[in-house]
N, C-alpha and C. Protein backbone atom coordinates (compact mmCIF):
# COMPACT_ATOMS: atom_id res chain seq x y z
N MET A 1 -8.11 -9.33 15.74
CA MET A 1 -8.44 -10.23 14.67
C MET A 1 -8.23 -9.53 13.35
N LEU A 2 -7.62 -10.24 12.43
CA LEU A 2 -7.35 -9.68 11.10
C LEU A 2 -8.26 -10.38 10.11
N THR A 3 -9.00 -9.59 9.34
CA THR A 3 -9.76 -10.15 8.25
C THR A 3 -9.15 -9.73 6.97
N SER A 4 -9.27 -10.51 5.93
CA SER A 4 -8.62 -10.14 4.68
C SER A 4 -9.42 -10.58 3.49
N THR A 5 -9.20 -9.88 2.40
CA THR A 5 -9.67 -10.27 1.10
C THR A 5 -8.43 -10.72 0.37
N PRO A 6 -8.40 -11.97 -0.12
CA PRO A 6 -7.18 -12.45 -0.78
C PRO A 6 -6.85 -11.63 -2.02
N PRO A 7 -5.58 -11.36 -2.23
CA PRO A 7 -5.19 -10.62 -3.40
C PRO A 7 -5.49 -11.40 -4.68
N ALA A 8 -5.84 -10.66 -5.70
CA ALA A 8 -6.16 -11.29 -6.98
C ALA A 8 -5.35 -10.58 -8.06
N THR A 9 -5.02 -11.32 -9.08
CA THR A 9 -4.33 -10.73 -10.20
C THR A 9 -4.99 -11.24 -11.45
N ARG A 10 -5.23 -10.35 -12.39
CA ARG A 10 -5.77 -10.76 -13.67
C ARG A 10 -5.18 -9.86 -14.75
N PRO A 11 -4.98 -10.41 -15.93
CA PRO A 11 -4.41 -9.59 -17.00
C PRO A 11 -5.39 -8.51 -17.42
N THR A 12 -4.84 -7.35 -17.79
CA THR A 12 -5.67 -6.25 -18.27
C THR A 12 -5.65 -6.15 -19.78
N THR A 13 -4.85 -7.00 -20.44
CA THR A 13 -4.80 -6.96 -21.88
C THR A 13 -5.50 -8.22 -22.41
N ARG A 14 -6.07 -8.08 -23.59
CA ARG A 14 -6.74 -9.21 -24.24
C ARG A 14 -5.97 -9.53 -25.52
N PRO A 15 -5.98 -10.81 -25.91
CA PRO A 15 -5.30 -11.13 -27.16
C PRO A 15 -6.03 -10.44 -28.33
N THR A 16 -5.25 -10.06 -29.34
CA THR A 16 -5.86 -9.39 -30.48
C THR A 16 -6.37 -10.40 -31.49
N THR A 17 -5.92 -11.65 -31.41
CA THR A 17 -6.43 -12.66 -32.30
C THR A 17 -7.09 -13.74 -31.47
N ARG A 18 -7.97 -14.47 -32.11
CA ARG A 18 -8.68 -15.53 -31.43
C ARG A 18 -7.71 -16.65 -31.16
N PRO A 19 -7.58 -17.11 -29.90
CA PRO A 19 -6.61 -18.17 -29.61
C PRO A 19 -7.04 -19.49 -30.22
N SER A 20 -6.06 -20.25 -30.64
CA SER A 20 -6.33 -21.58 -31.16
C SER A 20 -6.61 -22.51 -30.00
N THR A 21 -7.51 -23.46 -30.20
CA THR A 21 -7.90 -24.36 -29.12
C THR A 21 -7.39 -25.77 -29.32
N GLY A 22 -6.58 -26.00 -30.33
CA GLY A 22 -6.08 -27.34 -30.62
C GLY A 22 -5.01 -27.75 -29.62
N PRO A 23 -4.62 -29.04 -29.67
CA PRO A 23 -3.61 -29.55 -28.74
C PRO A 23 -2.23 -28.92 -28.96
N ASP A 24 -1.96 -28.40 -30.14
CA ASP A 24 -0.67 -27.78 -30.40
C ASP A 24 -0.69 -26.27 -30.17
N ALA A 25 -1.79 -25.77 -29.68
CA ALA A 25 -1.89 -24.31 -29.47
C ALA A 25 -0.95 -23.86 -28.35
N PRO A 26 -0.27 -22.74 -28.56
CA PRO A 26 0.62 -22.26 -27.50
C PRO A 26 -0.17 -21.79 -26.29
N ALA A 27 0.43 -21.96 -25.13
CA ALA A 27 -0.20 -21.50 -23.90
C ALA A 27 -0.24 -19.97 -23.88
N PRO A 28 -1.30 -19.38 -23.36
CA PRO A 28 -1.33 -17.94 -23.30
C PRO A 28 -0.22 -17.41 -22.40
N THR A 29 0.32 -16.30 -22.77
CA THR A 29 1.38 -15.68 -21.96
C THR A 29 0.75 -14.74 -20.96
N PRO A 30 1.17 -14.81 -19.70
CA PRO A 30 0.60 -13.89 -18.72
C PRO A 30 1.07 -12.47 -18.95
N ALA A 31 0.23 -11.52 -18.55
CA ALA A 31 0.61 -10.12 -18.68
C ALA A 31 1.73 -9.82 -17.74
N PRO A 32 2.68 -8.93 -18.13
CA PRO A 32 3.73 -8.57 -17.19
C PRO A 32 3.14 -7.90 -15.97
N ALA A 33 3.87 -7.89 -14.86
CA ALA A 33 3.36 -7.35 -13.59
C ALA A 33 2.92 -5.90 -13.74
N SER A 34 3.61 -5.12 -14.57
CA SER A 34 3.26 -3.72 -14.71
C SER A 34 1.93 -3.54 -15.45
N ARG A 35 1.44 -4.57 -16.13
CA ARG A 35 0.20 -4.48 -16.86
C ARG A 35 -0.92 -5.26 -16.18
N ALA A 36 -0.62 -5.97 -15.12
CA ALA A 36 -1.61 -6.76 -14.41
C ALA A 36 -2.39 -5.88 -13.45
N ARG A 37 -3.53 -6.47 -13.01
CA ARG A 37 -4.33 -5.78 -12.01
C ARG A 37 -4.46 -6.67 -10.79
N GLY A 38 -4.41 -6.12 -9.64
CA GLY A 38 -4.54 -6.89 -8.43
C GLY A 38 -5.00 -6.06 -7.28
N PHE A 39 -5.43 -6.75 -6.23
CA PHE A 39 -5.98 -6.04 -5.09
C PHE A 39 -5.91 -6.95 -3.86
N GLY A 40 -5.54 -6.36 -2.74
CA GLY A 40 -5.60 -7.07 -1.46
C GLY A 40 -6.10 -6.13 -0.38
N ARG A 41 -6.90 -6.64 0.54
CA ARG A 41 -7.49 -5.77 1.56
C ARG A 41 -7.50 -6.54 2.90
N TRP A 42 -7.17 -5.78 3.97
CA TRP A 42 -7.17 -6.34 5.32
C TRP A 42 -7.81 -5.36 6.25
N ALA A 43 -8.52 -5.86 7.25
CA ALA A 43 -9.10 -5.02 8.31
C ALA A 43 -8.69 -5.62 9.64
N ALA A 44 -8.39 -4.79 10.61
CA ALA A 44 -7.91 -5.27 11.89
C ALA A 44 -8.16 -4.26 12.99
N GLU A 45 -8.07 -4.73 14.22
CA GLU A 45 -8.05 -3.79 15.34
C GLU A 45 -6.66 -3.14 15.38
N PRO A 46 -6.58 -1.88 15.58
CA PRO A 46 -5.27 -1.20 15.58
C PRO A 46 -4.48 -1.44 16.87
N THR A 47 -3.69 -2.50 16.88
CA THR A 47 -2.82 -2.82 18.02
C THR A 47 -1.40 -2.92 17.52
N ALA A 48 -0.47 -2.92 18.46
CA ALA A 48 0.95 -3.01 18.09
C ALA A 48 1.25 -4.29 17.31
N ALA A 49 0.57 -5.37 17.64
CA ALA A 49 0.80 -6.66 16.96
C ALA A 49 0.33 -6.62 15.52
N THR A 50 -0.54 -5.68 15.17
CA THR A 50 -1.03 -5.57 13.81
C THR A 50 0.03 -5.08 12.83
N VAL A 51 0.95 -4.26 13.30
CA VAL A 51 1.95 -3.66 12.39
C VAL A 51 2.77 -4.71 11.64
N PRO A 52 3.45 -5.65 12.34
CA PRO A 52 4.21 -6.63 11.58
C PRO A 52 3.35 -7.60 10.77
N LEU A 53 2.14 -7.84 11.26
CA LEU A 53 1.24 -8.73 10.52
C LEU A 53 0.81 -8.13 9.19
N ILE A 54 0.44 -6.86 9.20
CA ILE A 54 0.07 -6.17 7.95
C ILE A 54 1.27 -6.09 7.03
N ARG A 55 2.44 -5.76 7.59
CA ARG A 55 3.66 -5.67 6.77
C ARG A 55 3.92 -7.01 6.05
N SER A 56 3.76 -8.10 6.78
CA SER A 56 3.99 -9.44 6.23
C SER A 56 2.98 -9.72 5.08
N ARG A 57 1.74 -9.34 5.30
CA ARG A 57 0.71 -9.57 4.27
C ARG A 57 1.02 -8.76 3.02
N VAL A 58 1.38 -7.51 3.21
CA VAL A 58 1.72 -6.64 2.06
C VAL A 58 2.94 -7.23 1.33
N ARG A 59 3.94 -7.68 2.10
CA ARG A 59 5.13 -8.29 1.47
C ARG A 59 4.75 -9.48 0.60
N SER A 60 3.87 -10.35 1.12
CA SER A 60 3.47 -11.52 0.36
C SER A 60 2.78 -11.14 -0.95
N VAL A 61 1.94 -10.13 -0.93
CA VAL A 61 1.25 -9.68 -2.12
C VAL A 61 2.26 -9.11 -3.13
N LEU A 62 3.16 -8.26 -2.65
CA LEU A 62 4.14 -7.66 -3.57
C LEU A 62 5.07 -8.73 -4.13
N ASP A 63 5.45 -9.73 -3.36
CA ASP A 63 6.27 -10.81 -3.88
C ASP A 63 5.52 -11.57 -4.98
N GLY A 64 4.23 -11.79 -4.75
CA GLY A 64 3.42 -12.48 -5.75
C GLY A 64 3.28 -11.71 -7.04
N TRP A 65 3.30 -10.40 -6.94
CA TRP A 65 3.22 -9.55 -8.13
C TRP A 65 4.59 -9.29 -8.72
N GLU A 66 5.63 -9.83 -8.15
CA GLU A 66 7.01 -9.67 -8.61
C GLU A 66 7.42 -8.22 -8.72
N VAL A 67 7.07 -7.44 -7.68
CA VAL A 67 7.45 -6.04 -7.62
C VAL A 67 8.93 -5.95 -7.28
N SER A 68 9.66 -5.02 -7.88
CA SER A 68 11.09 -4.87 -7.63
C SER A 68 11.33 -4.61 -6.14
N ALA A 69 12.48 -5.02 -5.68
CA ALA A 69 12.84 -4.86 -4.26
C ALA A 69 12.84 -3.40 -3.86
N GLU A 70 13.29 -2.51 -4.74
CA GLU A 70 13.36 -1.10 -4.41
C GLU A 70 11.96 -0.51 -4.17
N ILE A 71 11.02 -0.82 -5.05
CA ILE A 71 9.66 -0.32 -4.90
C ILE A 71 8.97 -1.02 -3.73
N ALA A 72 9.20 -2.31 -3.56
CA ALA A 72 8.61 -3.04 -2.45
C ALA A 72 9.07 -2.44 -1.12
N ASP A 73 10.34 -2.05 -1.03
CA ASP A 73 10.84 -1.43 0.21
C ASP A 73 10.09 -0.14 0.55
N VAL A 74 9.79 0.65 -0.47
CA VAL A 74 9.04 1.90 -0.22
C VAL A 74 7.66 1.58 0.34
N LEU A 75 6.97 0.63 -0.28
CA LEU A 75 5.63 0.30 0.20
C LEU A 75 5.63 -0.41 1.57
N LEU A 76 6.63 -1.22 1.81
CA LEU A 76 6.72 -1.88 3.11
C LEU A 76 7.01 -0.89 4.24
N LEU A 77 7.91 0.05 3.98
CA LEU A 77 8.16 1.07 4.95
C LEU A 77 6.91 1.91 5.19
N ALA A 78 6.22 2.25 4.10
CA ALA A 78 5.00 3.04 4.22
C ALA A 78 3.95 2.27 5.02
N ALA A 79 3.80 0.98 4.73
CA ALA A 79 2.83 0.18 5.48
C ALA A 79 3.16 0.18 6.98
N SER A 80 4.41 -0.04 7.34
CA SER A 80 4.81 -0.06 8.74
C SER A 80 4.54 1.27 9.41
N GLU A 81 4.96 2.37 8.78
CA GLU A 81 4.81 3.69 9.36
C GLU A 81 3.35 4.12 9.47
N LEU A 82 2.59 3.92 8.41
CA LEU A 82 1.20 4.35 8.40
C LEU A 82 0.34 3.54 9.36
N VAL A 83 0.54 2.22 9.41
CA VAL A 83 -0.19 1.41 10.36
C VAL A 83 0.25 1.73 11.77
N GLY A 84 1.54 1.96 11.98
CA GLY A 84 2.02 2.36 13.30
C GLY A 84 1.44 3.69 13.74
N ASN A 85 1.26 4.63 12.81
CA ASN A 85 0.63 5.91 13.15
C ASN A 85 -0.83 5.72 13.57
N VAL A 86 -1.53 4.82 12.91
CA VAL A 86 -2.92 4.55 13.31
C VAL A 86 -2.92 3.99 14.73
N VAL A 87 -2.02 3.05 15.01
CA VAL A 87 -1.97 2.45 16.36
C VAL A 87 -1.70 3.55 17.41
N LEU A 88 -0.73 4.41 17.11
CA LEU A 88 -0.37 5.47 18.08
C LEU A 88 -1.37 6.60 18.20
N HIS A 89 -1.94 7.03 17.10
CA HIS A 89 -2.75 8.25 17.11
C HIS A 89 -4.23 8.05 16.95
N ALA A 90 -4.66 6.91 16.43
CA ALA A 90 -6.10 6.74 16.14
C ALA A 90 -6.59 5.37 16.62
N GLY A 91 -5.85 4.73 17.51
CA GLY A 91 -6.21 3.39 17.96
C GLY A 91 -7.60 3.26 18.55
N GLY A 92 -8.11 4.29 19.19
CA GLY A 92 -9.42 4.22 19.78
C GLY A 92 -10.55 4.61 18.84
N ALA A 93 -10.22 4.83 17.56
CA ALA A 93 -11.23 5.32 16.61
C ALA A 93 -11.72 4.21 15.70
N GLY A 94 -11.82 2.99 16.19
CA GLY A 94 -12.36 1.90 15.37
C GLY A 94 -11.30 1.11 14.65
N ARG A 95 -11.78 0.38 13.65
CA ARG A 95 -10.93 -0.54 12.91
C ARG A 95 -10.01 0.17 11.94
N LEU A 96 -8.99 -0.54 11.61
CA LEU A 96 -7.94 -0.13 10.66
C LEU A 96 -8.21 -0.93 9.39
N ARG A 97 -8.09 -0.25 8.22
CA ARG A 97 -8.24 -0.92 6.94
C ARG A 97 -7.02 -0.62 6.10
N VAL A 98 -6.46 -1.65 5.49
CA VAL A 98 -5.30 -1.52 4.62
C VAL A 98 -5.63 -2.16 3.28
N GLU A 99 -5.34 -1.44 2.20
CA GLU A 99 -5.52 -1.97 0.87
C GLU A 99 -4.25 -1.75 0.06
N VAL A 100 -3.93 -2.72 -0.77
CA VAL A 100 -2.83 -2.58 -1.73
C VAL A 100 -3.39 -3.00 -3.07
N SER A 101 -3.07 -2.19 -4.10
CA SER A 101 -3.58 -2.51 -5.43
C SER A 101 -2.53 -2.24 -6.48
N LEU A 102 -2.70 -2.92 -7.59
CA LEU A 102 -1.83 -2.78 -8.77
C LEU A 102 -2.76 -2.60 -9.96
N ARG A 103 -2.70 -1.41 -10.53
CA ARG A 103 -3.54 -1.08 -11.68
C ARG A 103 -2.81 -0.15 -12.61
N GLY A 104 -2.84 -0.48 -13.87
CA GLY A 104 -2.25 0.40 -14.91
C GLY A 104 -0.83 0.78 -14.67
N GLY A 105 -0.01 -0.12 -14.09
CA GLY A 105 1.39 0.16 -13.87
C GLY A 105 1.68 0.94 -12.60
N TRP A 106 0.67 1.17 -11.77
CA TRP A 106 0.84 1.88 -10.51
C TRP A 106 0.47 0.99 -9.33
N LEU A 107 1.25 1.08 -8.29
CA LEU A 107 0.97 0.41 -7.02
C LEU A 107 0.42 1.46 -6.06
N GLN A 108 -0.62 1.09 -5.34
CA GLN A 108 -1.16 2.02 -4.35
C GLN A 108 -1.37 1.29 -3.03
N LEU A 109 -0.94 1.92 -1.97
CA LEU A 109 -1.17 1.44 -0.61
C LEU A 109 -2.05 2.48 0.06
N GLU A 110 -3.14 2.01 0.67
CA GLU A 110 -4.04 2.90 1.37
C GLU A 110 -4.26 2.37 2.78
N VAL A 111 -4.10 3.26 3.76
CA VAL A 111 -4.31 2.92 5.16
C VAL A 111 -5.39 3.87 5.67
N ALA A 112 -6.48 3.31 6.21
CA ALA A 112 -7.59 4.12 6.66
C ALA A 112 -7.97 3.76 8.11
N ASP A 113 -8.51 4.77 8.82
CA ASP A 113 -8.99 4.55 10.17
C ASP A 113 -10.19 5.44 10.39
N GLY A 114 -10.78 5.34 11.58
CA GLY A 114 -11.99 6.08 11.91
C GLY A 114 -11.78 7.46 12.49
N SER A 115 -10.55 7.91 12.62
CA SER A 115 -10.29 9.23 13.20
C SER A 115 -10.31 10.27 12.10
N PRO A 116 -11.07 11.36 12.29
CA PRO A 116 -11.11 12.41 11.29
C PRO A 116 -9.89 13.35 11.31
N SER A 117 -9.02 13.19 12.29
CA SER A 117 -7.86 14.09 12.39
C SER A 117 -6.90 13.79 11.26
N PRO A 118 -6.59 14.78 10.41
CA PRO A 118 -5.70 14.54 9.30
C PRO A 118 -4.25 14.35 9.79
N PRO A 119 -3.47 13.60 9.03
CA PRO A 119 -2.05 13.44 9.39
C PRO A 119 -1.34 14.78 9.19
N ARG A 120 -0.28 14.96 9.92
CA ARG A 120 0.44 16.23 9.84
C ARG A 120 1.88 15.96 9.39
N LEU A 121 2.21 16.47 8.24
CA LEU A 121 3.54 16.32 7.68
C LEU A 121 4.38 17.52 8.10
N PRO A 122 5.51 17.28 8.83
CA PRO A 122 6.37 18.43 9.18
C PRO A 122 6.87 19.14 7.94
N HIS A 123 6.89 20.47 7.96
CA HIS A 123 7.28 21.23 6.78
C HIS A 123 8.75 21.65 6.79
N SER A 124 9.38 21.64 7.96
CA SER A 124 10.77 22.06 8.01
C SER A 124 11.50 21.33 9.11
N ARG A 125 12.82 21.44 9.08
CA ARG A 125 13.64 20.80 10.11
C ARG A 125 13.29 21.31 11.51
N SER A 126 12.92 22.55 11.58
CA SER A 126 12.64 23.14 12.90
C SER A 126 11.39 22.51 13.53
N GLU A 127 10.53 21.88 12.73
CA GLU A 127 9.33 21.27 13.26
C GLU A 127 9.58 19.87 13.79
N VAL A 128 10.73 19.27 13.50
CA VAL A 128 11.06 17.92 13.94
C VAL A 128 11.99 18.01 15.13
N ASP A 129 11.57 17.44 16.25
CA ASP A 129 12.40 17.44 17.47
C ASP A 129 13.57 16.47 17.21
N GLN A 130 14.78 17.00 17.16
CA GLN A 130 15.97 16.18 16.86
C GLN A 130 16.22 15.12 17.91
N ASP A 131 15.73 15.30 19.14
CA ASP A 131 15.97 14.31 20.19
C ASP A 131 14.81 13.35 20.36
N SER A 132 13.74 13.54 19.66
CA SER A 132 12.56 12.68 19.78
C SER A 132 12.78 11.35 19.07
N GLU A 133 12.16 10.30 19.60
CA GLU A 133 12.23 8.99 18.97
C GLU A 133 11.17 8.85 17.85
N GLY A 134 10.25 9.75 17.78
CA GLY A 134 9.17 9.67 16.79
C GLY A 134 8.99 10.98 16.06
N GLY A 135 7.97 11.02 15.21
CA GLY A 135 7.63 12.27 14.53
C GLY A 135 8.23 12.41 13.16
N ARG A 136 8.96 11.42 12.68
CA ARG A 136 9.59 11.51 11.36
C ARG A 136 9.01 10.54 10.32
N GLY A 137 8.20 9.62 10.80
CA GLY A 137 7.73 8.53 9.92
C GLY A 137 7.02 9.02 8.67
N LEU A 138 6.05 9.91 8.82
CA LEU A 138 5.31 10.40 7.65
C LEU A 138 6.22 11.19 6.73
N LEU A 139 7.16 11.93 7.27
CA LEU A 139 8.13 12.67 6.45
C LEU A 139 9.01 11.70 5.65
N ILE A 140 9.47 10.64 6.30
CA ILE A 140 10.28 9.65 5.59
C ILE A 140 9.48 8.97 4.50
N VAL A 141 8.22 8.62 4.78
CA VAL A 141 7.37 8.01 3.74
C VAL A 141 7.20 8.98 2.57
N TYR A 142 6.97 10.23 2.87
CA TYR A 142 6.80 11.25 1.82
C TYR A 142 8.08 11.33 0.96
N LEU A 143 9.22 11.42 1.60
CA LEU A 143 10.47 11.58 0.86
C LEU A 143 10.79 10.35 0.02
N MET A 144 10.58 9.15 0.56
CA MET A 144 10.85 7.93 -0.21
C MET A 144 9.86 7.79 -1.38
N THR A 145 8.62 8.15 -1.11
CA THR A 145 7.60 8.05 -2.17
C THR A 145 7.90 8.98 -3.34
N THR A 146 8.22 10.22 -3.03
CA THR A 146 8.54 11.17 -4.11
C THR A 146 9.82 10.79 -4.83
N GLU A 147 10.80 10.28 -4.11
CA GLU A 147 12.03 9.85 -4.74
C GLU A 147 11.77 8.70 -5.72
N ALA A 148 10.77 7.85 -5.42
CA ALA A 148 10.44 6.73 -6.29
C ALA A 148 9.52 7.14 -7.45
N GLY A 149 9.20 8.46 -7.51
CA GLY A 149 8.37 8.95 -8.61
C GLY A 149 6.89 8.89 -8.31
N GLY A 150 6.55 8.77 -7.04
CA GLY A 150 5.15 8.64 -6.64
C GLY A 150 4.67 9.83 -5.87
N ARG A 151 3.55 9.63 -5.17
CA ARG A 151 3.00 10.71 -4.36
C ARG A 151 2.29 10.17 -3.12
N LEU A 152 2.27 11.02 -2.12
CA LEU A 152 1.59 10.74 -0.87
C LEU A 152 0.38 11.68 -0.78
N SER A 153 -0.78 11.16 -0.45
CA SER A 153 -1.95 12.01 -0.33
C SER A 153 -2.82 11.48 0.81
N PHE A 154 -3.77 12.31 1.24
CA PHE A 154 -4.72 11.84 2.25
C PHE A 154 -6.05 12.50 2.04
N GLN A 155 -7.06 11.87 2.59
CA GLN A 155 -8.43 12.37 2.54
C GLN A 155 -9.03 12.17 3.90
N ALA A 156 -9.69 13.20 4.42
CA ALA A 156 -10.32 13.12 5.73
C ALA A 156 -11.71 13.72 5.72
N ASP A 157 -12.61 13.11 6.45
CA ASP A 157 -13.93 13.68 6.63
C ASP A 157 -14.42 13.28 8.03
N GLU A 158 -15.67 13.50 8.34
CA GLU A 158 -16.17 13.22 9.68
C GLU A 158 -16.20 11.70 10.01
N PHE A 159 -16.04 10.86 9.03
CA PHE A 159 -16.09 9.40 9.23
C PHE A 159 -14.71 8.81 9.40
N GLY A 160 -13.67 9.55 9.13
CA GLY A 160 -12.32 9.02 9.25
C GLY A 160 -11.39 9.59 8.19
N LYS A 161 -10.27 8.95 8.03
CA LYS A 161 -9.29 9.42 7.05
C LYS A 161 -8.63 8.24 6.38
N SER A 162 -8.02 8.50 5.24
CA SER A 162 -7.20 7.51 4.56
C SER A 162 -5.97 8.21 4.04
N VAL A 163 -4.84 7.51 4.15
CA VAL A 163 -3.57 7.99 3.63
C VAL A 163 -3.15 7.06 2.51
N ARG A 164 -2.78 7.64 1.37
CA ARG A 164 -2.43 6.83 0.19
C ARG A 164 -1.00 7.11 -0.27
N VAL A 165 -0.35 6.04 -0.62
CA VAL A 165 0.98 6.10 -1.23
C VAL A 165 0.82 5.47 -2.61
N ARG A 166 1.20 6.19 -3.65
CA ARG A 166 1.10 5.68 -5.02
C ARG A 166 2.45 5.81 -5.67
N VAL A 167 2.96 4.68 -6.20
CA VAL A 167 4.26 4.65 -6.84
C VAL A 167 4.20 3.86 -8.12
N PRO A 168 5.06 4.14 -9.08
CA PRO A 168 5.12 3.32 -10.30
C PRO A 168 5.51 1.89 -9.99
N ALA A 169 4.90 0.93 -10.61
CA ALA A 169 5.17 -0.47 -10.34
C ALA A 169 6.51 -0.93 -10.91
N ALA A 170 6.99 -0.26 -11.92
CA ALA A 170 8.25 -0.72 -12.55
C ALA A 170 9.43 0.09 -12.10
């Protein structure tokens, strides 16, 4: 079962003059996407069926915020890989939580689970099995995130961990 908090967007800038309230008053202009604030949150059981469902939800939010295709691709890949990692490595550690936010011109995707085991990013080619079908996802997310001008980070404690991808919205 997937539970969600609907994404919200609100302008972060206020008009510098008092708006006119007459019938001829111009309509307020919305803040550009890079200046807007928004947030979406989902919680689910970590199953294989959750991966495309979360990806679809994240895509809908990013489309609503009019995020460029290039940046959206980074976050969608990150969502798929990070949620897939939770399913593979932390599925028995409780619920999965995914959040996407837009604040101050930055997009952030956070994927959290109940496993305290930190993710492991391979440091060199020799650590990646060339014949393996897996083991590269986190490295690919890291490389795409840094190429987009962002960063990948994680936090872990005895209650679980969260992995965050933060990229510029523009």
